[in-house]
Amino acid sequence: MRVVKIDHATEQTPSPSIGLEQLQLEHPLVVVIWRDAFFDFDQADPEDVRPDYLVHTVGFLLSDGPTFVSLAQEVLPDGDGYRAVTHIPVSIVHRIVPLQPGSEGSLTG
């Protein structure tokens, strides 16, 4: 096991006085609304299906390509990449909503 000491006296976070509107994001922050796939244990009738099940995923938009929309939950410093990347097939994406600081857009389709 490796023990890492955290020095609480070191300033590692940006000043709280910096607002969201001042951040320069390399990748836009978005909400992707998409139709989830699902599994039924016992479906008695072909017409007995769940209605649209729209999932909302928030993240940094890495790619809006021909096959997948890719979102990262975390952008690592110093160009080290990303964490928790979700790849959503474009064919099931209902809507992509940009999140801009100070905006009050509607997320309903």
N, C-alpha and C. Protein backbone atom coordinates (compact mmCIF):
# COMPACT_ATOMS: atom_id res chain seq x y z
N MET A 1 0.84 -1.16 0.00
CA MET A 1 0.00 0.00 0.00
C MET A 1 0.89 1.24 0.00
N ARG A 2 0.50 2.23 -0.80
CA ARG A 2 1.24 3.48 -0.88
C ARG A 2 0.46 4.57 -0.17
N VAL A 3 1.10 5.28 0.72
CA VAL A 3 0.46 6.37 1.45
C VAL A 3 0.89 7.68 0.82
N VAL A 4 -0.08 8.52 0.51
CA VAL A 4 0.20 9.82 -0.09
C VAL A 4 -0.24 10.89 0.88
N LYS A 5 0.70 11.76 1.25
CA LYS A 5 0.40 12.83 2.18
C LYS A 5 -0.22 14.00 1.41
N ILE A 6 -1.30 14.53 1.93
CA ILE A 6 -1.94 15.70 1.34
C ILE A 6 -1.62 16.89 2.22
N ASP A 7 -0.99 17.88 1.62
CA ASP A 7 -0.62 19.09 2.35
C ASP A 7 -1.78 20.08 2.24
N HIS A 8 -2.53 20.23 3.31
CA HIS A 8 -3.70 21.10 3.30
C HIS A 8 -3.33 22.58 3.21
N ALA A 9 -2.08 22.92 3.46
CA ALA A 9 -1.67 24.31 3.38
C ALA A 9 -1.41 24.76 1.95
N THR A 10 -1.33 23.81 1.02
CA THR A 10 -1.06 24.13 -0.38
C THR A 10 -2.36 24.49 -1.09
N GLU A 11 -2.35 25.61 -1.79
CA GLU A 11 -3.52 26.04 -2.56
C GLU A 11 -3.59 25.21 -3.84
N GLN A 12 -4.56 24.27 -3.94
CA GLN A 12 -4.67 23.42 -5.11
C GLN A 12 -5.94 23.67 -5.90
N THR A 13 -6.84 24.47 -5.39
CA THR A 13 -8.09 24.72 -6.08
C THR A 13 -8.16 26.18 -6.50
N PRO A 14 -8.91 26.45 -7.57
CA PRO A 14 -9.04 27.84 -7.99
C PRO A 14 -9.74 28.67 -6.92
N SER A 15 -9.52 29.94 -6.96
CA SER A 15 -10.14 30.86 -6.01
C SER A 15 -11.66 30.78 -6.14
N PRO A 16 -12.40 30.75 -5.01
CA PRO A 16 -13.85 30.68 -5.09
C PRO A 16 -14.46 31.93 -5.74
N SER A 17 -13.68 32.98 -5.90
CA SER A 17 -14.21 34.19 -6.51
C SER A 17 -14.33 34.07 -8.03
N ILE A 18 -13.76 33.00 -8.61
CA ILE A 18 -13.86 32.79 -10.05
C ILE A 18 -15.21 32.15 -10.33
N GLY A 19 -16.03 32.82 -11.14
CA GLY A 19 -17.35 32.30 -11.49
C GLY A 19 -17.30 31.39 -12.69
N LEU A 20 -18.35 30.63 -12.91
CA LEU A 20 -18.42 29.72 -14.05
C LEU A 20 -18.24 30.45 -15.37
N GLU A 21 -18.76 31.66 -15.46
CA GLU A 21 -18.66 32.40 -16.72
C GLU A 21 -17.23 32.76 -17.07
N GLN A 22 -16.31 32.69 -16.09
CA GLN A 22 -14.90 33.02 -16.34
C GLN A 22 -14.07 31.80 -16.73
N LEU A 23 -14.62 30.60 -16.57
CA LEU A 23 -13.88 29.39 -16.91
C LEU A 23 -13.80 29.25 -18.42
N GLN A 24 -12.65 28.86 -18.90
CA GLN A 24 -12.46 28.58 -20.32
C GLN A 24 -12.40 27.06 -20.48
N LEU A 25 -13.50 26.45 -20.86
CA LEU A 25 -13.58 25.00 -20.99
C LEU A 25 -13.13 24.58 -22.38
N GLU A 26 -12.26 23.58 -22.43
CA GLU A 26 -11.79 23.06 -23.71
C GLU A 26 -12.91 22.32 -24.43
N HIS A 27 -13.76 21.65 -23.66
CA HIS A 27 -14.89 20.90 -24.22
C HIS A 27 -16.18 21.46 -23.64
N PRO A 28 -17.21 21.66 -24.47
CA PRO A 28 -18.45 22.21 -23.94
C PRO A 28 -19.14 21.25 -22.98
N LEU A 29 -19.81 21.80 -22.01
CA LEU A 29 -20.60 21.03 -21.06
C LEU A 29 -22.01 20.90 -21.62
N VAL A 30 -22.51 19.67 -21.70
CA VAL A 30 -23.82 19.42 -22.32
C VAL A 30 -24.63 18.41 -21.51
N VAL A 31 -25.93 18.37 -21.81
CA VAL A 31 -26.81 17.29 -21.36
C VAL A 31 -27.20 16.53 -22.62
N VAL A 32 -27.00 15.23 -22.61
CA VAL A 32 -27.46 14.39 -23.72
C VAL A 32 -28.68 13.63 -23.22
N ILE A 33 -29.78 13.78 -23.94
CA ILE A 33 -31.02 13.06 -23.61
C ILE A 33 -31.15 11.95 -24.63
N TRP A 34 -31.23 10.71 -24.12
CA TRP A 34 -31.20 9.56 -25.03
C TRP A 34 -32.13 8.46 -24.54
N ARG A 35 -32.57 7.65 -25.51
CA ARG A 35 -33.49 6.54 -25.22
C ARG A 35 -32.67 5.33 -24.79
N ASP A 36 -32.91 4.91 -23.59
CA ASP A 36 -32.17 3.80 -23.01
C ASP A 36 -32.66 2.46 -23.58
N ALA A 37 -31.74 1.55 -23.76
CA ALA A 37 -32.11 0.17 -24.06
C ALA A 37 -32.57 -0.47 -22.74
N PHE A 38 -33.38 -1.50 -22.82
CA PHE A 38 -33.84 -2.14 -21.59
C PHE A 38 -34.05 -3.62 -21.81
N PHE A 39 -34.20 -4.33 -20.70
CA PHE A 39 -34.33 -5.78 -20.70
C PHE A 39 -35.57 -6.14 -19.91
N ASP A 40 -36.43 -6.99 -20.47
CA ASP A 40 -37.61 -7.48 -19.76
C ASP A 40 -37.42 -8.96 -19.44
N PHE A 41 -37.60 -9.32 -18.18
CA PHE A 41 -37.50 -10.73 -17.78
C PHE A 41 -38.67 -11.53 -18.35
N ASP A 42 -39.87 -11.00 -18.20
CA ASP A 42 -41.07 -11.69 -18.65
C ASP A 42 -41.96 -10.72 -19.40
N GLN A 43 -41.92 -10.76 -20.72
CA GLN A 43 -42.81 -9.93 -21.53
C GLN A 43 -43.84 -10.85 -22.14
N ALA A 44 -45.09 -10.74 -21.68
CA ALA A 44 -46.15 -11.65 -22.11
C ALA A 44 -46.67 -11.33 -23.50
N ASP A 45 -46.61 -10.06 -23.90
CA ASP A 45 -47.22 -9.64 -25.15
C ASP A 45 -46.27 -8.68 -25.87
N PRO A 46 -46.14 -8.80 -27.21
CA PRO A 46 -45.25 -7.88 -27.94
C PRO A 46 -45.62 -6.41 -27.77
N GLU A 47 -46.90 -6.13 -27.50
CA GLU A 47 -47.35 -4.74 -27.30
C GLU A 47 -47.10 -4.25 -25.88
N ASP A 48 -46.71 -5.14 -24.99
CA ASP A 48 -46.50 -4.80 -23.58
C ASP A 48 -45.05 -4.34 -23.38
N VAL A 49 -44.75 -3.11 -23.80
CA VAL A 49 -43.40 -2.58 -23.66
C VAL A 49 -43.43 -1.27 -22.88
N ARG A 50 -42.34 -1.00 -22.27
CA ARG A 50 -42.19 0.23 -21.50
C ARG A 50 -42.22 1.42 -22.47
N PRO A 51 -42.85 2.54 -22.07
CA PRO A 51 -42.81 3.72 -22.94
C PRO A 51 -41.38 4.29 -23.00
N ASP A 52 -41.19 5.28 -23.85
CA ASP A 52 -39.86 5.90 -23.95
C ASP A 52 -39.25 6.11 -22.57
N TYR A 53 -38.04 5.68 -22.42
CA TYR A 53 -37.29 5.81 -21.17
C TYR A 53 -36.11 6.73 -21.48
N LEU A 54 -36.32 8.03 -21.28
CA LEU A 54 -35.30 9.01 -21.64
C LEU A 54 -34.34 9.22 -20.48
N VAL A 55 -33.07 9.01 -20.74
CA VAL A 55 -32.00 9.17 -19.76
C VAL A 55 -31.32 10.51 -20.03
N HIS A 56 -30.93 11.20 -18.96
CA HIS A 56 -30.21 12.47 -19.08
C HIS A 56 -28.80 12.25 -18.55
N THR A 57 -27.81 12.48 -19.40
CA THR A 57 -26.41 12.34 -19.02
C THR A 57 -25.72 13.68 -19.22
N VAL A 58 -25.02 14.14 -18.17
CA VAL A 58 -24.31 15.42 -18.21
C VAL A 58 -22.82 15.14 -18.31
N GLY A 59 -22.12 15.90 -19.14
CA GLY A 59 -20.67 15.73 -19.23
C GLY A 59 -20.04 16.69 -20.20
N PHE A 60 -18.73 16.55 -20.34
CA PHE A 60 -17.95 17.34 -21.28
C PHE A 60 -18.01 16.63 -22.63
N LEU A 61 -18.47 17.33 -23.66
CA LEU A 61 -18.64 16.74 -24.98
C LEU A 61 -17.28 16.56 -25.66
N LEU A 62 -16.86 15.31 -25.79
CA LEU A 62 -15.58 15.00 -26.44
C LEU A 62 -15.76 14.78 -27.93
N SER A 63 -16.89 14.16 -28.30
CA SER A 63 -17.11 13.82 -29.70
C SER A 63 -18.60 13.74 -29.98
N ASP A 64 -19.00 14.32 -31.11
CA ASP A 64 -20.37 14.19 -31.61
C ASP A 64 -20.22 13.65 -33.02
N GLY A 65 -19.75 12.40 -33.09
CA GLY A 65 -19.38 11.79 -34.36
C GLY A 65 -20.53 11.09 -35.04
N PRO A 66 -20.23 10.41 -36.14
CA PRO A 66 -21.27 9.72 -36.91
C PRO A 66 -21.83 8.48 -36.20
N THR A 67 -21.07 7.92 -35.26
CA THR A 67 -21.51 6.70 -34.59
C THR A 67 -21.87 6.91 -33.13
N PHE A 68 -21.05 7.70 -32.40
CA PHE A 68 -21.25 7.89 -30.97
C PHE A 68 -21.17 9.36 -30.58
N VAL A 69 -21.90 9.70 -29.53
CA VAL A 69 -21.69 10.94 -28.79
C VAL A 69 -20.91 10.52 -27.55
N SER A 70 -19.76 11.13 -27.33
CA SER A 70 -18.91 10.74 -26.20
C SER A 70 -18.81 11.88 -25.20
N LEU A 71 -19.10 11.55 -23.93
CA LEU A 71 -19.05 12.52 -22.84
C LEU A 71 -18.09 12.04 -21.76
N ALA A 72 -17.30 12.96 -21.23
CA ALA A 72 -16.40 12.65 -20.11
C ALA A 72 -16.97 13.29 -18.85
N GLN A 73 -16.90 12.58 -17.76
CA GLN A 73 -17.32 13.15 -16.48
C GLN A 73 -16.22 14.02 -15.88
N GLU A 74 -14.98 13.73 -16.23
CA GLU A 74 -13.85 14.48 -15.69
C GLU A 74 -12.81 14.72 -16.78
N VAL A 75 -12.25 15.94 -16.79
CA VAL A 75 -11.14 16.29 -17.67
C VAL A 75 -9.91 16.40 -16.77
N LEU A 76 -8.88 15.62 -17.07
CA LEU A 76 -7.68 15.60 -16.23
C LEU A 76 -6.74 16.74 -16.59
N PRO A 77 -5.95 17.19 -15.63
CA PRO A 77 -5.04 18.31 -15.89
C PRO A 77 -3.84 17.89 -16.75
N ASP A 78 -3.16 18.89 -17.29
CA ASP A 78 -1.91 18.71 -18.02
C ASP A 78 -2.03 17.77 -19.22
N GLY A 79 -3.21 17.72 -19.84
CA GLY A 79 -3.39 16.89 -21.03
C GLY A 79 -3.35 15.40 -20.77
N ASP A 80 -3.64 14.98 -19.52
CA ASP A 80 -3.58 13.55 -19.16
C ASP A 80 -4.81 12.76 -19.60
N GLY A 81 -5.78 13.40 -20.25
CA GLY A 81 -6.93 12.66 -20.76
C GLY A 81 -8.20 12.92 -19.98
N TYR A 82 -9.03 11.86 -19.88
CA TYR A 82 -10.37 11.98 -19.33
C TYR A 82 -10.67 10.78 -18.46
N ARG A 83 -11.69 10.94 -17.61
CA ARG A 83 -12.19 9.82 -16.80
C ARG A 83 -13.68 9.65 -17.04
N ALA A 84 -14.12 8.43 -16.86
CA ALA A 84 -15.55 8.07 -16.91
C ALA A 84 -16.19 8.57 -18.21
N VAL A 85 -15.70 8.06 -19.33
CA VAL A 85 -16.23 8.48 -20.63
C VAL A 85 -17.39 7.56 -21.00
N THR A 86 -18.53 8.17 -21.33
CA THR A 86 -19.73 7.46 -21.77
C THR A 86 -19.87 7.66 -23.26
N HIS A 87 -20.07 6.55 -23.99
CA HIS A 87 -20.26 6.59 -25.44
C HIS A 87 -21.71 6.18 -25.73
N ILE A 88 -22.49 7.10 -26.27
CA ILE A 88 -23.91 6.87 -26.54
C ILE A 88 -24.10 6.78 -28.05
N PRO A 89 -24.70 5.69 -28.55
CA PRO A 89 -24.93 5.59 -30.00
C PRO A 89 -25.80 6.75 -30.50
N VAL A 90 -25.37 7.38 -31.58
CA VAL A 90 -26.09 8.53 -32.14
C VAL A 90 -27.53 8.17 -32.47
N SER A 91 -27.76 6.94 -32.89
CA SER A 91 -29.11 6.53 -33.31
C SER A 91 -30.14 6.57 -32.18
N ILE A 92 -29.70 6.60 -30.92
CA ILE A 92 -30.66 6.65 -29.80
C ILE A 92 -30.65 8.00 -29.08
N VAL A 93 -29.86 8.95 -29.60
CA VAL A 93 -29.82 10.29 -28.99
C VAL A 93 -31.08 11.05 -29.40
N HIS A 94 -31.80 11.54 -28.41
CA HIS A 94 -33.00 12.33 -28.64
C HIS A 94 -32.66 13.80 -28.81
N ARG A 95 -31.72 14.29 -27.98
CA ARG A 95 -31.40 15.70 -27.99
C ARG A 95 -30.09 15.97 -27.26
N ILE A 96 -29.34 16.97 -27.72
CA ILE A 96 -28.14 17.45 -27.01
C ILE A 96 -28.39 18.91 -26.66
N VAL A 97 -28.28 19.21 -25.37
CA VAL A 97 -28.54 20.57 -24.89
C VAL A 97 -27.25 21.14 -24.31
N PRO A 98 -26.72 22.23 -24.90
CA PRO A 98 -25.53 22.85 -24.33
C PRO A 98 -25.85 23.51 -22.99
N LEU A 99 -24.95 23.38 -22.04
CA LEU A 99 -25.10 24.04 -20.75
C LEU A 99 -24.13 25.20 -20.73
N GLN A 100 -24.65 26.38 -20.65
CA GLN A 100 -23.81 27.56 -20.63
C GLN A 100 -23.99 28.25 -19.28
N PRO A 101 -22.91 28.76 -18.72
CA PRO A 101 -23.03 29.47 -17.45
C PRO A 101 -24.08 30.58 -17.53
N GLY A 102 -24.98 30.58 -16.56
CA GLY A 102 -26.00 31.61 -16.50
C GLY A 102 -27.20 31.37 -17.38
N SER A 103 -27.19 30.30 -18.22
CA SER A 103 -28.35 30.07 -19.09
C SER A 103 -29.41 29.30 -18.33
N GLU A 104 -30.64 29.49 -18.74
CA GLU A 104 -31.76 28.80 -18.11
C GLU A 104 -32.59 28.11 -19.18
N GLY A 105 -31.92 27.29 -20.00
CA GLY A 105 -32.61 26.58 -21.07
C GLY A 105 -33.47 25.45 -20.55
N SER A 106 -34.46 25.07 -21.31
CA SER A 106 -35.34 23.97 -20.94
C SER A 106 -34.73 22.66 -21.39
N LEU A 107 -34.86 21.64 -20.58
CA LEU A 107 -34.32 20.32 -20.93
C LEU A 107 -35.40 19.39 -21.43
N THR A 108 -36.59 19.86 -21.61
CA THR A 108 -37.66 18.98 -22.08
C THR A 108 -37.70 18.99 -23.59
N GLY A 109 -38.04 17.84 -24.16
CA GLY A 109 -38.00 17.70 -25.60
C GLY A 109 -39.27 18.07 -26.25
